[in-house]
């Protein structure tokens, strides 16, 4: 059981005592529950929503599908997440999650999609520059700061050098 799951389990037990306890027991449990919810940045909805159901996700390509899987495993905290595929559309997948986990996966996925796009754009620029894939008769009109140029150089250095043999000649 992950740390988050053990915290949620403890909070659910305290909530049950706050709801069904006797006299002072109820009051003390409710105070403890409120304090622990605040300490962990949770709400009652976070601890009461533990009904698993298959939630739908749409991916755009194989890389996006792989990113989704990593986000789901990160949020769920385990590799044991049941899943299913849509019968006719391979880009639609279903994972068994709670409503809260579903919302958290969507937010995590949105964030990392944007980060991945930035990284891939930078990697593409490094690739083009490393392999000199621009016109021979023109100049590159892009300007970059020293920090951007240094970042580009580091990315270029991390790429494997290859050369292509020309197959056609004039």
C-alpha atoms as a PDB file:
ATOM      1  CA  UNK A   1       0.000   0.000   0.000  1.00  0.00           C
ATOM      2  CA  UNK A   2       1.433   3.413  -0.958  1.00  0.00           C
ATOM      3  CA  UNK A   3       1.841   6.230   1.579  1.00  0.00           C
ATOM      4  CA  UNK A   4      -1.125   8.044   0.043  1.00  0.00           C
ATOM      5  CA  UNK A   5      -3.339   4.957   0.264  1.00  0.00           C
ATOM      6  CA  UNK A   6      -2.386   4.332   3.888  1.00  0.00           C
ATOM      7  CA  UNK A   7      -3.178   7.972   4.743  1.00  0.00           C
ATOM      8  CA  UNK A   8      -6.529   7.727   2.959  1.00  0.00           C
ATOM      9  CA  UNK A   9      -7.266   4.447   4.750  1.00  0.00           C
ATOM     10  CA  UNK A  10      -6.489   6.027   8.127  1.00  0.00           C
ATOM     11  CA  UNK A  11      -8.673   9.039   7.305  1.00  0.00           C
ATOM     12  CA  UNK A  12     -11.575   6.778   6.294  1.00  0.00           C
ATOM     13  CA  UNK A  13     -11.388   4.973   9.650  1.00  0.00           C
ATOM     14  CA  UNK A  14     -11.374   8.258  11.545  1.00  0.00           C
ATOM     15  CA  UNK A  15     -14.308   9.459   9.430  1.00  0.00           C
ATOM     16  CA  UNK A  16     -16.258   6.318  10.291  1.00  0.00           C
ATOM     17  CA  UNK A  17     -15.619   6.959  13.988  1.00  0.00           C
ATOM     18  CA  UNK A  18     -16.685  10.604  13.577  1.00  0.00           C
ATOM     19  CA  UNK A  19     -19.949   9.451  11.979  1.00  0.00           C
ATOM     20  CA  UNK A  20     -20.766   6.486  14.234  1.00  0.00           C
ATOM     21  CA  UNK A  21     -18.895   7.158  17.459  1.00  0.00           C
ATOM     22  CA  UNK A  22     -20.555   7.850  20.806  1.00  0.00           C
ATOM     23  CA  UNK A  23     -20.709  11.369  22.320  1.00  0.00           C
ATOM     24  CA  UNK A  24     -17.178  12.707  22.925  1.00  0.00           C
ATOM     25  CA  UNK A  25     -15.707  10.069  20.647  1.00  0.00           C
ATOM     26  CA  UNK A  26     -17.512  11.642  17.689  1.00  0.00           C
ATOM     27  CA  UNK A  27     -16.326  15.152  18.527  1.00  0.00           C
ATOM     28  CA  UNK A  28     -12.685  14.158  19.016  1.00  0.00           C
ATOM     29  CA  UNK A  29     -12.693  12.058  15.834  1.00  0.00           C
ATOM     30  CA  UNK A  30     -14.219  14.926  13.834  1.00  0.00           C
ATOM     31  CA  UNK A  31     -11.558  17.359  15.104  1.00  0.00           C
ATOM     32  CA  UNK A  32      -8.817  14.848  14.305  1.00  0.00           C
ATOM     33  CA  UNK A  33     -10.309  14.269  10.849  1.00  0.00           C
ATOM     34  CA  UNK A  34     -10.477  18.010  10.103  1.00  0.00           C
ATOM     35  CA  UNK A  35      -6.869  18.518  11.247  1.00  0.00           C
ATOM     36  CA  UNK A  36      -5.519  15.600   9.207  1.00  0.00           C
ATOM     37  CA  UNK A  37      -7.461  16.619   6.097  1.00  0.00           C
ATOM     38  CA  UNK A  38      -5.972  20.118   6.360  1.00  0.00           C
ATOM     39  CA  UNK A  39      -2.472  18.736   7.039  1.00  0.00           C
ATOM     40  CA  UNK A  40      -2.562  16.568   3.899  1.00  0.00           C
ATOM     41  CA  UNK A  41      -4.429  19.090   1.718  1.00  0.00           C
ATOM     42  CA  UNK A  42      -7.405  16.770   1.258  1.00  0.00           C
ATOM     43  CA  UNK A  43     -11.185  17.105   1.430  1.00  0.00           C
ATOM     44  CA  UNK A  44     -13.949  14.732   2.450  1.00  0.00           C
ATOM     45  CA  UNK A  45     -14.593  14.061  -1.236  1.00  0.00           C
ATOM     46  CA  UNK A  46     -11.018  12.796  -1.575  1.00  0.00           C
ATOM     47  CA  UNK A  47     -11.501  10.119   1.063  1.00  0.00           C
ATOM     48  CA  UNK A  48     -15.073   9.117   0.292  1.00  0.00           C
ATOM     49  CA  UNK A  49     -14.597   8.638  -3.451  1.00  0.00           C
ATOM     50  CA  UNK A  50     -12.961   5.251  -3.651  1.00  0.00           C
ATOM     51  CA  UNK A  51     -15.314   3.560  -6.102  1.00  0.00           C
ATOM     52  CA  UNK A  52     -13.300   2.187  -8.989  1.00  0.00           C
ATOM     53  CA  UNK A  53     -14.784   2.370 -12.457  1.00  0.00           C
ATOM     54  CA  UNK A  54     -13.398   2.242 -15.983  1.00  0.00           C
ATOM     55  CA  UNK A  55     -12.579   5.809 -17.103  1.00  0.00           C
ATOM     56  CA  UNK A  56     -12.065   6.761 -20.746  1.00  0.00           C
ATOM     57  CA  UNK A  57      -8.922   8.381 -22.131  1.00  0.00           C
ATOM     58  CA  UNK A  58      -8.203   9.435 -25.714  1.00  0.00           C
ATOM     59  CA  UNK A  59      -4.665   9.484 -27.063  1.00  0.00           C
ATOM     60  CA  UNK A  60      -3.312  11.056 -30.236  1.00  0.00           C
ATOM     61  CA  UNK A  61      -0.439   8.682 -31.063  1.00  0.00           C
ATOM     62  CA  UNK A  62       1.825   5.994 -29.596  1.00  0.00           C
ATOM     63  CA  UNK A  63       3.996   8.494 -27.721  1.00  0.00           C
ATOM     64  CA  UNK A  64       0.900  10.100 -26.163  1.00  0.00           C
ATOM     65  CA  UNK A  65      -0.414   6.642 -25.199  1.00  0.00           C
ATOM     66  CA  UNK A  66       2.904   5.839 -23.520  1.00  0.00           C
ATOM     67  CA  UNK A  67       2.844   9.155 -21.638  1.00  0.00           C
ATOM     68  CA  UNK A  68      -0.722   8.406 -20.497  1.00  0.00           C
ATOM     69  CA  UNK A  69       0.342   5.038 -19.097  1.00  0.00           C
ATOM     70  CA  UNK A  70       3.163   6.651 -17.138  1.00  0.00           C
ATOM     71  CA  UNK A  71       0.829   9.334 -15.755  1.00  0.00           C
ATOM     72  CA  UNK A  72      -1.695   6.688 -14.687  1.00  0.00           C
ATOM     73  CA  UNK A  73       0.964   4.584 -12.951  1.00  0.00           C
ATOM     74  CA  UNK A  74       2.336   7.718 -11.270  1.00  0.00           C
ATOM     75  CA  UNK A  75      -1.102   8.790  -9.976  1.00  0.00           C
ATOM     76  CA  UNK A  76      -2.277   5.289  -9.032  1.00  0.00           C
ATOM     77  CA  UNK A  77       1.035   4.523  -7.349  1.00  0.00           C
ATOM     78  CA  UNK A  78       0.993   0.953  -8.615  1.00  0.00           C
ATOM     79  CA  UNK A  79       1.482  -1.056 -11.793  1.00  0.00           C
ATOM     80  CA  UNK A  80      -1.668  -3.046 -11.016  1.00  0.00           C
ATOM     81  CA  UNK A  81      -4.258  -0.953 -12.862  1.00  0.00           C
ATOM     82  CA  UNK A  82      -6.834  -2.803 -14.921  1.00  0.00           C
ATOM     83  CA  UNK A  83      -7.385  -1.508 -18.434  1.00  0.00           C
ATOM     84  CA  UNK A  84      -9.274  -2.204 -21.642  1.00  0.00           C
ATOM     85  CA  UNK A  85      -9.162  -0.976 -25.242  1.00  0.00           C
ATOM     86  CA  UNK A  86     -11.983   0.324 -27.382  1.00  0.00           C
ATOM     87  CA  UNK A  87     -13.058  -2.293 -29.902  1.00  0.00           C
ATOM     88  CA  UNK A  88     -12.918  -0.091 -32.994  1.00  0.00           C
ATOM     89  CA  UNK A  89     -10.661   2.819 -32.042  1.00  0.00           C
ATOM     90  CA  UNK A  90      -7.188   1.959 -30.729  1.00  0.00           C
ATOM     91  CA  UNK A  91      -6.707   5.549 -29.538  1.00  0.00           C
ATOM     92  CA  UNK A  92      -9.435   5.170 -26.906  1.00  0.00           C
ATOM     93  CA  UNK A  93      -8.461   3.265 -23.768  1.00  0.00           C
ATOM     94  CA  UNK A  94     -10.123   2.671 -20.416  1.00  0.00           C
ATOM     95  CA  UNK A  95      -8.413   2.424 -17.039  1.00  0.00           C
ATOM     96  CA  UNK A  96      -9.995   1.420 -13.764  1.00  0.00           C
ATOM     97  CA  UNK A  97      -9.635   4.461 -11.495  1.00  0.00           C
ATOM     98  CA  UNK A  98     -11.590   6.518  -8.986  1.00  0.00           C
ATOM     99  CA  UNK A  99     -13.105   9.849 -10.057  1.00  0.00           C
ATOM    100  CA  UNK A 100     -10.376  11.657  -8.148  1.00  0.00           C
ATOM    101  CA  UNK A 101      -7.621   9.616  -9.789  1.00  0.00           C
ATOM    102  CA  UNK A 102      -9.203  10.224 -13.205  1.00  0.00           C
ATOM    103  CA  UNK A 103      -9.183  13.990 -12.644  1.00  0.00           C
ATOM    104  CA  UNK A 104      -5.620  13.861 -11.334  1.00  0.00           C
ATOM    105  CA  UNK A 105      -4.450  11.807 -14.338  1.00  0.00           C
ATOM    106  CA  UNK A 106      -6.059  14.294 -16.743  1.00  0.00           C
ATOM    107  CA  UNK A 107      -4.343  17.244 -15.032  1.00  0.00           C
ATOM    108  CA  UNK A 108      -0.998  15.407 -14.886  1.00  0.00           C
ATOM    109  CA  UNK A 109      -1.285  14.360 -18.524  1.00  0.00           C
ATOM    110  CA  UNK A 110      -2.082  17.904 -19.675  1.00  0.00           C
ATOM    111  CA  UNK A 111       0.941  19.275 -17.819  1.00  0.00           C
ATOM    112  CA  UNK A 112       3.374  16.658 -19.120  1.00  0.00           C
ATOM    113  CA  UNK A 113       2.049  16.856 -22.680  1.00  0.00           C
ATOM    114  CA  UNK A 114       3.030  20.543 -22.696  1.00  0.00           C
ATOM    115  CA  UNK A 115       6.432  19.770 -21.143  1.00  0.00           C
ATOM    116  CA  UNK A 116       7.067  16.967 -23.634  1.00  0.00           C
ATOM    117  CA  UNK A 117       6.194  19.264 -26.544  1.00  0.00           C
ATOM    118  CA  UNK A 118       8.729  21.839 -25.326  1.00  0.00           C
ATOM    119  CA  UNK A 119      11.407  19.162 -24.915  1.00  0.00           C
ATOM    120  CA  UNK A 120      10.689  17.624 -28.325  1.00  0.00           C
ATOM    121  CA  UNK A 121      10.826  21.061 -29.983  1.00  0.00           C
ATOM    122  CA  UNK A 122      14.243  21.627 -28.401  1.00  0.00           C
ATOM    123  CA  UNK A 123      15.401  18.155 -29.360  1.00  0.00           C
ATOM    124  CA  UNK A 124      14.259  18.721 -32.950  1.00  0.00           C
ATOM    125  CA  UNK A 125      16.233  21.984 -33.157  1.00  0.00           C
ATOM    126  CA  UNK A 126      19.310  20.194 -31.819  1.00  0.00           C
ATOM    127  CA  UNK A 127      18.837  17.367 -34.334  1.00  0.00           C
ATOM    128  CA  UNK A 128      18.505  19.763 -37.299  1.00  0.00           C
ATOM    129  CA  UNK A 129      21.577  21.719 -36.220  1.00  0.00           C
ATOM    130  CA  UNK A 130      23.699  18.651 -35.451  1.00  0.00           C
ATOM    131  CA  UNK A 131      23.024  17.192 -38.899  1.00  0.00           C
ATOM    132  CA  UNK A 132      23.149  20.549 -40.738  1.00  0.00           C
ATOM    133  CA  UNK A 133      19.697  20.112 -42.250  1.00  0.00           C
ATOM    134  CA  UNK A 134      19.244  23.563 -43.736  1.00  0.00           C
ATOM    135  CA  UNK A 135      19.860  25.158 -47.128  1.00  0.00           C
ATOM    136  CA  UNK A 136      23.489  25.595 -48.162  1.00  0.00           C
ATOM    137  CA  UNK A 137      22.885  28.923 -49.894  1.00  0.00           C
ATOM    138  CA  UNK A 138      21.015  30.655 -47.078  1.00  0.00           C
ATOM    139  CA  UNK A 139      21.746  31.839 -43.607  1.00  0.00           C
ATOM    140  CA  UNK A 140      19.845  30.955 -40.482  1.00  0.00           C
ATOM    141  CA  UNK A 141      18.019  34.108 -39.441  1.00  0.00           C
ATOM    142  CA  UNK A 142      17.099  32.843 -35.967  1.00  0.00           C
ATOM    143  CA  UNK A 143      18.553  34.651 -32.984  1.00  0.00           C
ATOM    144  CA  UNK A 144      18.994  33.009 -29.628  1.00  0.00           C
ATOM    145  CA  UNK A 145      20.295  34.038 -26.234  1.00  0.00           C
ATOM    146  CA  UNK A 146      23.571  32.659 -24.955  1.00  0.00           C
ATOM    147  CA  UNK A 147      21.645  30.404 -22.544  1.00  0.00           C
ATOM    148  CA  UNK A 148      19.495  29.013 -25.383  1.00  0.00           C
ATOM    149  CA  UNK A 149      22.564  28.411 -27.541  1.00  0.00           C
ATOM    150  CA  UNK A 150      24.305  26.614 -24.666  1.00  0.00           C
ATOM    151  CA  UNK A 151      21.208  24.445 -24.077  1.00  0.00           C
ATOM    152  CA  UNK A 152      21.103  23.657 -27.811  1.00  0.00           C
ATOM    153  CA  UNK A 153      24.795  22.744 -27.800  1.00  0.00           C
ATOM    154  CA  UNK A 154      24.305  20.363 -24.838  1.00  0.00           C
ATOM    155  CA  UNK A 155      21.378  18.702 -26.599  1.00  0.00           C
ATOM    156  CA  UNK A 156      23.396  18.421 -29.811  1.00  0.00           C
ATOM    157  CA  UNK A 157      26.267  16.818 -27.888  1.00  0.00           C
ATOM    158  CA  UNK A 158      23.896  14.210 -26.473  1.00  0.00           C
ATOM    159  CA  UNK A 159      22.842  13.045 -29.959  1.00  0.00           C
ATOM    160  CA  UNK A 160      24.655  10.306 -31.857  1.00  0.00           C
ATOM    161  CA  UNK A 161      26.556  11.544 -34.908  1.00  0.00           C
ATOM    162  CA  UNK A 162      25.593   9.885 -38.168  1.00  0.00           C
ATOM    163  CA  UNK A 163      26.145  10.666 -41.814  1.00  0.00           C
ATOM    164  CA  UNK A 164      23.926   9.782 -44.700  1.00  0.00           C
ATOM    165  CA  UNK A 165      25.390   8.514 -47.941  1.00  0.00           C
ATOM    166  CA  UNK A 166      23.874  10.185 -50.967  1.00  0.00           C
ATOM    167  CA  UNK A 167      22.065   7.729 -53.158  1.00  0.00           C
ATOM    168  CA  UNK A 168      21.356  10.003 -56.093  1.00  0.00           C
ATOM    169  CA  UNK A 169      23.663  12.309 -57.999  1.00  0.00           C
ATOM    170  CA  UNK A 170      23.106  14.878 -60.688  1.00  0.00           C
END
